[in-house]
Amino acid sequence: MKHQVKALADYAEAIRLYPNFADAYSNRGLLHRETRRHVMALADFTAAIRIDPRDVVAYFNRGLLHMQMKRYDEALADFTAAIQLDSRDANLYRHRGLAHAKTKKYDKSLADFTTALRIIPGHAETHYHRGLVYETMKRYDRALADFRTSIRIDPHQPDVHNYRGLVYEQTGMYDKALADYTSAIRIDPRYAAAHYNRGFVHAVKKRYDKALADFAISIRLGHRHADSHYNMGLVHERMSRPDLALADYTTAIGFNPRYVRALYNRGTLHLEMNSYQKALSDFNRAISIAPRHAPAHLVRGRLHSQLKRYDKALADYNAVIRIDPADARGYINRGRLHYDQQGYRQALADWRRALPLVRGTAWEQKLLGYIGEARSKLKGSMK
């Protein structure tokens, strides 16, 4: 800190003596950026550029500052200006590629990373960043190729192993994903995201104790508390430990009160435990946050029906159908509600609409039975 104060004083004195000393402004700007005095840093880099409009380094440093401030369009402008002055600097293309990625201009981002690799082939970090863009675009083969190249050049990059693991996970290659997450953790045992991701894959492979251990480590390391507790809740449910699952969902909601999936899952557990009012409260909260959450409407509708609140149940089933007309469950449950209230014609209409949506499933035969019952009741009421 004392060193920085003295350096700032020295640069201020240099600028006082030589007001057109561009390097003094640039160097003072770097110190301001290091201490997160963004406004002062911006003023210094701008002054350096005003004095020397061909100062590539000043444009580059101002671009980095804009990136730090999440002002990506301004960063793009600065990196482009620097490239116009020096079109052979791979680092400029790489950073402009990063700025393009932040603004979701993925094709331009890929073009910049490719140009950077043409200037300096075999740059591990550039292959990694291009791989990230390919992953975002779901071009997984290209992403894997870049991640492999990056790891071959420098095998000691935990981030690259982690993100290659994510691509393997997304493409269903779980053993390879586990291997990469484990490699990332071996390089950096405190890599919380890799523990979280490995825990998720362990859960998919039904290695529940290992999943819980990884989620617990990710929580201890401070990573995504809400998601880690939510996933622990899912694992505890699969292990038939409803009380522990309930506690995990509650903790997740404590970290994120708008966590719809946690509210919904906790609500279903409350329902299974016959805690109807708690279940209703959770479904109400979930729907107030996400009005188009069809599963919450569906289960709340069943709960309302169970509590003989038929008008509210009907409103929820109508909502399910309105949100997703291809969801047979809305028609099936609304049909059952009509049937139980002797609305056989309406029940028949709903089940007929559901039938094409469940062709080839176990529900097809069930629905045919329901339709037969409704027809029989309808004929009996007409005699």
Protein backbone atom coordinates (compact mmCIF):
# COMPACT_ATOMS: atom_id res chain seq x y z
CA MET A 1 0.00 0.00 0.00
CA LYS A 2 2.83 2.42 0.89
CA HIS A 3 4.49 1.55 -2.40
CA GLN A 4 1.30 2.41 -4.29
CA VAL A 5 0.90 5.74 -2.46
CA LYS A 6 4.49 6.70 -3.28
CA ALA A 7 4.09 5.62 -6.92
CA LEU A 8 0.92 7.68 -7.27
CA ALA A 9 2.72 10.70 -5.82
CA ASP A 10 5.64 10.18 -8.22
CA TYR A 11 3.34 9.97 -11.26
CA ALA A 12 1.45 13.06 -10.11
CA GLU A 13 4.74 14.96 -9.85
CA ALA A 14 5.85 13.71 -13.30
CA ILE A 15 2.54 14.85 -14.81
CA ARG A 16 2.87 18.24 -13.10
CA LEU A 17 6.32 18.70 -14.58
CA TYR A 18 5.56 17.11 -17.97
CA PRO A 19 1.81 17.50 -18.67
CA ASN A 20 2.12 15.68 -22.03
CA PHE A 21 3.89 12.61 -20.61
CA ALA A 22 1.45 9.91 -21.85
CA ASP A 23 3.24 7.01 -20.12
CA ALA A 24 2.84 8.69 -16.73
CA TYR A 25 -0.92 8.87 -17.23
CA SER A 26 -1.04 5.23 -18.42
CA ASN A 27 1.02 3.95 -15.49
CA ARG A 28 -1.02 5.94 -12.97
CA GLY A 29 -4.15 4.55 -14.63
CA LEU A 30 -2.86 1.01 -14.04
CA LEU A 31 -2.40 1.78 -10.34
CA HIS A 32 -5.89 3.24 -10.10
CA ARG A 33 -7.29 0.15 -11.85
CA GLU A 34 -5.48 -2.16 -9.42
CA THR A 35 -7.09 -0.32 -6.49
CA ARG A 36 -10.50 -0.32 -8.25
CA ARG A 37 -10.61 3.47 -8.63
CA HIS A 38 -12.26 3.02 -11.98
CA VAL A 39 -13.25 6.62 -12.66
CA MET A 40 -9.72 7.87 -12.01
CA ALA A 41 -8.21 5.06 -14.08
CA LEU A 42 -10.55 5.84 -16.96
CA ALA A 43 -9.60 9.52 -16.85
CA ASP A 44 -5.88 8.67 -16.94
CA PHE A 45 -6.11 6.19 -19.84
CA THR A 46 -8.23 8.69 -21.77
CA ALA A 47 -5.68 11.43 -21.13
CA ALA A 48 -2.88 9.15 -22.41
CA ILE A 49 -4.87 8.48 -25.61
CA ARG A 50 -5.60 12.18 -26.05
CA ILE A 51 -1.87 12.94 -25.85
CA ASP A 52 -0.88 10.03 -28.10
CA PRO A 53 -3.77 8.73 -30.25
CA ARG A 54 -1.53 5.91 -31.48
CA ASP A 55 -0.83 4.52 -28.02
CA VAL A 56 -1.86 0.87 -28.46
CA VAL A 57 -1.19 -0.01 -24.81
CA ALA A 58 -3.42 2.80 -23.54
CA TYR A 59 -6.31 1.61 -25.74
CA PHE A 60 -5.73 -1.96 -24.55
CA ASN A 61 -5.63 -0.99 -20.87
CA ARG A 62 -8.74 1.17 -21.20
CA GLY A 63 -10.43 -1.77 -22.91
CA LEU A 64 -9.51 -4.04 -20.00
CA LEU A 65 -10.92 -1.43 -17.61
CA HIS A 66 -14.19 -1.31 -19.56
CA MET A 67 -14.36 -5.13 -19.36
CA GLN A 68 -13.86 -4.91 -15.60
CA MET A 69 -16.70 -2.37 -15.45
CA LYS A 70 -18.90 -4.63 -17.67
CA ARG A 71 -19.01 -1.89 -20.34
CA TYR A 72 -18.50 -4.35 -23.15
CA ASP A 73 -19.39 -2.13 -26.12
CA GLU A 74 -16.81 0.44 -24.99
CA ALA A 75 -14.26 -2.36 -24.51
CA LEU A 76 -14.94 -3.58 -28.06
CA ALA A 77 -14.34 -0.07 -29.40
CA ASP A 78 -11.01 0.20 -27.57
CA PHE A 79 -9.75 -3.25 -28.60
CA THR A 80 -10.76 -2.53 -32.20
CA ALA A 81 -8.87 0.79 -32.14
CA ALA A 82 -5.80 -1.03 -30.79
CA ILE A 83 -6.05 -3.70 -33.51
CA GLN A 84 -6.23 -1.02 -36.19
CA LEU A 85 -2.90 0.27 -34.88
CA ASP A 86 -1.31 -3.16 -34.45
CA SER A 87 -2.94 -5.99 -36.39
CA ARG A 88 -0.27 -8.56 -35.44
CA ASP A 89 -0.87 -8.62 -31.67
CA ALA A 90 -2.67 -11.90 -30.84
CA ASN A 91 -3.47 -10.65 -27.32
CA LEU A 92 -5.63 -7.86 -28.74
CA TYR A 93 -7.69 -10.29 -30.82
CA ARG A 94 -8.04 -12.64 -27.85
CA HIS A 95 -9.42 -9.90 -25.61
CA ARG A 96 -11.74 -8.59 -28.32
CA GLY A 97 -12.94 -12.18 -28.69
CA LEU A 98 -13.76 -12.19 -24.98
CA ALA A 99 -15.69 -8.92 -25.34
CA HIS A 100 -17.63 -10.28 -28.33
CA ALA A 101 -18.52 -13.35 -26.26
CA LYS A 102 -19.83 -11.12 -23.46
CA THR A 103 -22.13 -9.38 -25.96
CA LYS A 104 -23.21 -12.79 -27.38
CA LYS A 105 -21.65 -12.08 -30.78
CA TYR A 106 -20.34 -15.62 -30.90
CA ASP A 107 -19.38 -15.80 -34.57
CA LYS A 108 -17.25 -12.65 -34.20
CA SER A 109 -15.77 -14.03 -31.01
CA LEU A 110 -14.77 -17.26 -32.79
CA ALA A 111 -13.25 -15.26 -35.64
CA ASP A 112 -11.08 -13.26 -33.23
CA PHE A 113 -9.89 -16.31 -31.31
CA THR A 114 -9.07 -18.06 -34.59
CA THR A 115 -7.09 -15.03 -35.78
CA ALA A 116 -5.20 -14.98 -32.48
CA LEU A 117 -4.32 -18.67 -32.92
CA ARG A 118 -3.17 -18.01 -36.47
CA ILE A 119 -0.74 -15.39 -35.14
CA ILE A 120 0.40 -17.50 -32.15
CA PRO A 121 -0.48 -21.17 -32.76
CA GLY A 122 -0.79 -23.46 -29.77
CA HIS A 123 -1.81 -20.84 -27.21
CA ALA A 124 -3.53 -22.86 -24.45
CA GLU A 125 -5.65 -20.04 -23.05
CA THR A 126 -6.99 -19.02 -26.49
CA HIS A 127 -7.98 -22.62 -27.27
CA TYR A 128 -9.75 -22.71 -23.89
CA HIS A 129 -11.71 -19.51 -24.54
CA ARG A 130 -12.66 -20.58 -28.05
CA GLY A 131 -13.79 -23.90 -26.58
CA LEU A 132 -16.04 -22.01 -24.15
CA VAL A 133 -17.72 -20.20 -27.04
CA TYR A 134 -18.24 -23.47 -28.93
CA GLU A 135 -19.74 -24.95 -25.73
CA THR A 136 -22.13 -22.00 -25.40
CA MET A 137 -23.19 -22.53 -29.04
CA LYS A 138 -23.68 -26.27 -28.29
CA ARG A 139 -21.03 -27.17 -30.87
CA TYR A 140 -19.69 -29.79 -28.52
CA ASP A 141 -17.30 -31.59 -30.90
CA ARG A 142 -15.48 -28.33 -31.60
CA ALA A 143 -15.47 -27.42 -27.91
CA LEU A 144 -13.97 -30.78 -26.97
CA ALA A 145 -11.30 -30.42 -29.67
CA ASP A 146 -10.22 -27.03 -28.29
CA PHE A 147 -10.28 -28.19 -24.67
CA ARG A 148 -8.19 -31.26 -25.59
CA THR A 149 -5.64 -29.08 -27.37
CA SER A 150 -5.48 -26.67 -24.44
CA ILE A 151 -4.94 -29.53 -21.96
CA ARG A 152 -2.31 -31.14 -24.20
CA ILE A 153 -0.37 -27.85 -24.23
CA ASP A 154 -0.82 -27.23 -20.50
CA PRO A 155 -2.33 -30.11 -18.49
CA HIS A 156 -2.36 -28.12 -15.23
CA GLN A 157 -5.43 -25.96 -15.92
CA PRO A 158 -8.30 -26.81 -13.55
CA ASP A 159 -10.79 -24.61 -15.43
CA VAL A 160 -10.24 -26.42 -18.72
CA HIS A 161 -10.69 -29.83 -17.10
CA ASN A 162 -13.85 -28.58 -15.38
CA TYR A 163 -15.41 -27.21 -18.56
CA ARG A 164 -14.45 -30.24 -20.62
CA GLY A 165 -16.16 -32.25 -17.89
CA LEU A 166 -19.29 -30.15 -18.38
CA VAL A 167 -19.30 -30.90 -22.12
CA TYR A 168 -18.87 -34.62 -21.43
CA GLU A 169 -21.71 -34.39 -18.90
CA GLN A 170 -24.00 -32.58 -21.34
CA THR A 171 -23.34 -35.24 -23.98
CA GLY A 172 -23.98 -38.13 -21.59
CA MET A 173 -20.34 -39.26 -21.24
CA TYR A 174 -20.50 -39.37 -17.46
CA ASP A 175 -17.36 -41.44 -16.77
CA LYS A 176 -15.25 -39.00 -18.79
CA ALA A 177 -16.94 -36.10 -17.01
CA LEU A 178 -16.08 -37.63 -13.62
CA ALA A 179 -12.46 -38.10 -14.71
CA ASP A 180 -12.16 -34.44 -15.73
CA TYR A 181 -13.80 -33.10 -12.58
CA THR A 182 -11.47 -35.29 -10.53
CA SER A 183 -8.47 -33.95 -12.48
CA ALA A 184 -9.60 -30.38 -11.80
CA ILE A 185 -9.88 -31.18 -8.08
CA ARG A 186 -6.49 -32.89 -8.05
CA ILE A 187 -4.93 -29.71 -9.51
CA ASP A 188 -6.90 -27.45 -7.16
CA PRO A 189 -8.50 -29.26 -4.18
CA ARG A 190 -10.40 -26.07 -3.29
CA TYR A 191 -12.09 -25.87 -6.70
CA ALA A 192 -15.67 -25.66 -5.42
CA ALA A 193 -17.37 -25.73 -8.84
CA ALA A 194 -15.63 -28.99 -9.77
CA HIS A 195 -16.80 -30.60 -6.50
CA TYR A 196 -20.35 -29.41 -7.22
CA ASN A 197 -20.26 -30.71 -10.80
CA ARG A 198 -18.77 -34.03 -9.76
CA GLY A 199 -21.45 -34.37 -7.11
CA PHE A 200 -24.12 -33.88 -9.75
CA VAL A 201 -22.67 -36.67 -11.93
CA HIS A 202 -22.33 -38.99 -8.93
CA ALA A 203 -26.04 -38.38 -8.29
CA VAL A 204 -26.91 -39.21 -11.91
CA LYS A 205 -24.96 -42.46 -11.55
CA LYS A 206 -26.78 -43.18 -8.24
CA ARG A 207 -23.59 -42.93 -6.19
CA TYR A 208 -25.50 -40.98 -3.61
CA ASP A 209 -23.00 -40.99 -0.72
CA LYS A 210 -20.27 -39.66 -3.01
CA ALA A 211 -22.66 -37.04 -4.39
CA LEU A 212 -23.53 -35.84 -0.89
CA ALA A 213 -19.84 -35.66 0.04
CA ASP A 214 -19.02 -33.49 -2.99
CA PHE A 215 -22.00 -31.18 -2.46
CA ALA A 216 -20.98 -30.77 1.20
CA ILE A 217 -17.45 -29.81 0.16
CA SER A 218 -18.76 -27.32 -2.41
CA ILE A 219 -20.90 -25.74 0.31
CA ARG A 220 -17.95 -25.56 2.71
CA LEU A 221 -15.93 -23.83 -0.02
CA GLY A 222 -18.71 -21.28 -0.52
CA HIS A 223 -19.98 -22.32 -3.95
CA ARG A 224 -23.64 -21.88 -4.93
CA HIS A 225 -25.10 -22.68 -1.53
CA ALA A 226 -28.69 -22.71 -2.73
CA ASP A 227 -28.04 -25.08 -5.65
CA SER A 228 -25.85 -27.40 -3.58
CA HIS A 229 -28.49 -27.71 -0.86
CA TYR A 230 -31.21 -28.19 -3.49
CA ASN A 231 -29.27 -31.04 -5.10
CA MET A 232 -28.59 -32.57 -1.71
CA GLY A 233 -32.34 -32.49 -1.20
CA LEU A 234 -32.87 -34.37 -4.48
CA VAL A 235 -30.33 -37.00 -3.42
CA HIS A 236 -31.92 -37.40 0.01
CA GLU A 237 -35.30 -37.88 -1.66
CA ARG A 238 -33.86 -40.62 -3.87
CA MET A 239 -32.40 -42.23 -0.74
CA SER A 240 -35.89 -42.13 0.87
CA ARG A 241 -34.84 -39.62 3.51
CA PRO A 242 -37.72 -37.13 3.30
CA ASP A 243 -36.89 -35.29 6.55
CA LEU A 244 -33.33 -34.57 5.39
CA ALA A 245 -34.60 -33.58 1.94
CA LEU A 246 -37.08 -31.20 3.54
CA ALA A 247 -34.30 -29.61 5.58
CA ASP A 248 -32.13 -29.20 2.46
CA TYR A 249 -34.90 -27.55 0.43
CA THR A 250 -35.62 -25.22 3.35
CA THR A 251 -31.95 -24.23 3.54
CA ALA A 252 -31.86 -23.66 -0.23
CA ILE A 253 -34.93 -21.41 0.04
CA GLY A 254 -33.24 -19.55 2.90
CA PHE A 255 -30.37 -18.68 0.56
CA ASN A 256 -32.72 -17.92 -2.34
CA PRO A 257 -36.35 -17.18 -1.33
CA ARG A 258 -37.35 -17.16 -5.03
CA TYR A 259 -36.02 -20.66 -5.71
CA VAL A 260 -39.08 -22.06 -7.49
CA ARG A 261 -37.84 -25.64 -7.89
CA ALA A 262 -36.98 -25.86 -4.19
CA LEU A 263 -40.40 -24.45 -3.22
CA TYR A 264 -42.13 -26.91 -5.54
CA ASN A 265 -40.16 -29.92 -4.27
CA ARG A 266 -40.67 -28.92 -0.65
CA GLY A 267 -44.36 -28.53 -1.36
CA THR A 268 -44.61 -32.04 -2.80
CA LEU A 269 -42.84 -33.43 0.28
CA HIS A 270 -45.22 -31.56 2.58
CA LEU A 271 -48.09 -33.03 0.56
CA GLU A 272 -46.71 -36.58 0.92
CA MET A 273 -46.46 -35.95 4.68
CA ASN A 274 -50.11 -34.75 4.74
CA SER A 275 -49.03 -31.23 5.75
CA TYR A 276 -51.58 -29.71 3.41
CA GLN A 277 -51.39 -26.07 4.50
CA LYS A 278 -47.58 -26.05 4.29
CA ALA A 279 -47.78 -27.67 0.87
CA LEU A 280 -50.35 -25.12 -0.29
CA SER A 281 -48.18 -22.27 0.98
CA ASP A 282 -45.18 -23.55 -1.00
CA PHE A 283 -47.18 -24.04 -4.21
CA ASN A 284 -48.71 -20.57 -3.83
CA ARG A 285 -45.25 -19.02 -3.43
CA ALA A 286 -43.86 -20.94 -6.40
CA ILE A 287 -46.74 -19.87 -8.63
CA SER A 288 -46.57 -16.23 -7.50
CA ILE A 289 -42.91 -16.21 -8.60
CA ALA A 290 -43.40 -18.30 -11.76
CA PRO A 291 -47.07 -18.08 -12.87
CA ARG A 292 -46.39 -20.41 -15.83
CA HIS A 293 -45.00 -23.24 -13.71
CA ALA A 294 -47.38 -25.96 -14.91
CA PRO A 295 -46.32 -28.72 -12.45
CA ALA A 296 -47.06 -26.43 -9.47
CA HIS A 297 -50.52 -25.64 -10.86
CA LEU A 298 -51.14 -29.34 -11.46
CA VAL A 299 -50.20 -30.50 -7.95
CA ARG A 300 -51.95 -27.53 -6.33
CA GLY A 301 -55.04 -28.45 -8.36
CA ARG A 302 -54.93 -31.99 -6.98
CA LEU A 303 -54.54 -30.61 -3.46
CA HIS A 304 -57.50 -28.25 -3.92
CA SER A 305 -59.55 -31.16 -5.22
CA GLN A 306 -58.56 -33.26 -2.21
CA LEU A 307 -59.66 -30.39 0.05
CA LYS A 308 -62.95 -30.18 -1.92
CA ARG A 309 -62.11 -26.70 -3.24
CA TYR A 310 -63.35 -27.66 -6.67
CA ASP A 311 -63.48 -24.20 -8.25
CA LYS A 312 -59.85 -23.57 -7.32
CA ALA A 313 -58.85 -27.02 -8.58
CA LEU A 314 -60.60 -26.30 -11.89
CA ALA A 315 -58.75 -22.97 -12.20
CA ASP A 316 -55.41 -24.71 -11.70
CA TYR A 317 -56.14 -27.44 -14.27
CA ASN A 318 -57.27 -24.75 -16.73
CA ALA A 319 -53.95 -23.00 -16.12
CA VAL A 320 -52.01 -26.20 -16.88
CA ILE A 321 -53.84 -26.58 -20.19
CA ARG A 322 -53.38 -22.92 -21.04
CA ILE A 323 -49.64 -23.07 -20.28
CA ASP A 324 -49.04 -26.32 -22.17
CA PRO A 325 -51.90 -27.64 -24.33
CA ALA A 326 -49.77 -30.71 -25.11
CA ASP A 327 -49.62 -31.75 -21.45
CA ALA A 328 -52.10 -34.60 -21.11
CA ARG A 329 -52.10 -34.33 -17.31
CA GLY A 330 -54.15 -31.13 -17.41
CA TYR A 331 -56.94 -32.79 -19.41
CA ILE A 332 -56.76 -36.04 -17.40
CA ASN A 333 -57.07 -34.31 -14.03
CA ARG A 334 -59.71 -31.86 -15.20
CA GLY A 335 -61.65 -34.78 -16.63
CA ARG A 336 -61.47 -36.60 -13.29
CA LEU A 337 -62.70 -33.45 -11.51
CA HIS A 338 -65.68 -33.20 -13.90
CA TYR A 339 -66.39 -36.93 -13.55
CA ASP A 340 -66.43 -36.81 -9.73
CA GLN A 341 -68.94 -33.95 -9.95
CA GLN A 342 -71.08 -35.95 -12.41
CA GLY A 343 -70.04 -33.80 -15.34
CA TYR A 344 -69.67 -36.87 -17.53
CA ARG A 345 -69.92 -35.06 -20.85
CA GLN A 346 -67.13 -32.64 -19.91
CA ALA A 347 -65.04 -35.52 -18.53
CA LEU A 348 -65.48 -37.46 -21.77
CA ALA A 349 -64.40 -34.43 -23.81
CA ASP A 350 -61.26 -33.92 -21.69
CA TRP A 351 -60.20 -37.55 -21.79
CA ARG A 352 -60.74 -37.74 -25.54
CA ARG A 353 -58.47 -34.72 -25.94
CA ALA A 354 -55.85 -36.36 -23.72
CA LEU A 355 -55.91 -39.71 -25.55
CA PRO A 356 -53.79 -38.73 -28.62
CA LEU A 357 -51.23 -37.21 -26.25
CA VAL A 358 -50.59 -40.51 -24.46
CA ARG A 359 -50.58 -42.96 -27.39
CA GLY A 360 -48.12 -45.77 -26.83
CA THR A 361 -47.82 -45.16 -23.07
CA ALA A 362 -49.29 -46.94 -20.05
CA TRP A 363 -51.83 -44.11 -19.82
CA GLU A 364 -53.46 -45.06 -23.13
CA GLN A 365 -55.24 -48.12 -21.69
CA LYS A 366 -56.16 -46.26 -18.51
CA LEU A 367 -57.75 -43.46 -20.50
CA LEU A 368 -59.67 -45.88 -22.67
CA GLY A 369 -61.08 -47.34 -19.44
CA TYR A 370 -61.98 -43.85 -18.17
CA ILE A 371 -63.68 -43.02 -21.46
CA GLY A 372 -65.68 -46.26 -21.28
CA GLU A 373 -66.81 -45.38 -17.74
CA ALA A 374 -67.83 -41.86 -18.77
CA ARG A 375 -69.81 -43.17 -21.74
CA SER A 376 -71.58 -45.67 -19.51
CA LYS A 377 -72.46 -42.99 -16.96
CA LEU A 378 -73.61 -40.64 -19.71
CA LYS A 379 -75.91 -43.27 -21.19
CA GLY A 380 -77.30 -44.08 -17.75
CA SER A 381 -78.10 -40.43 -17.06
CA MET A 382 -79.99 -40.14 -20.38
CA LYS A 383 -82.42 -43.03 -19.68
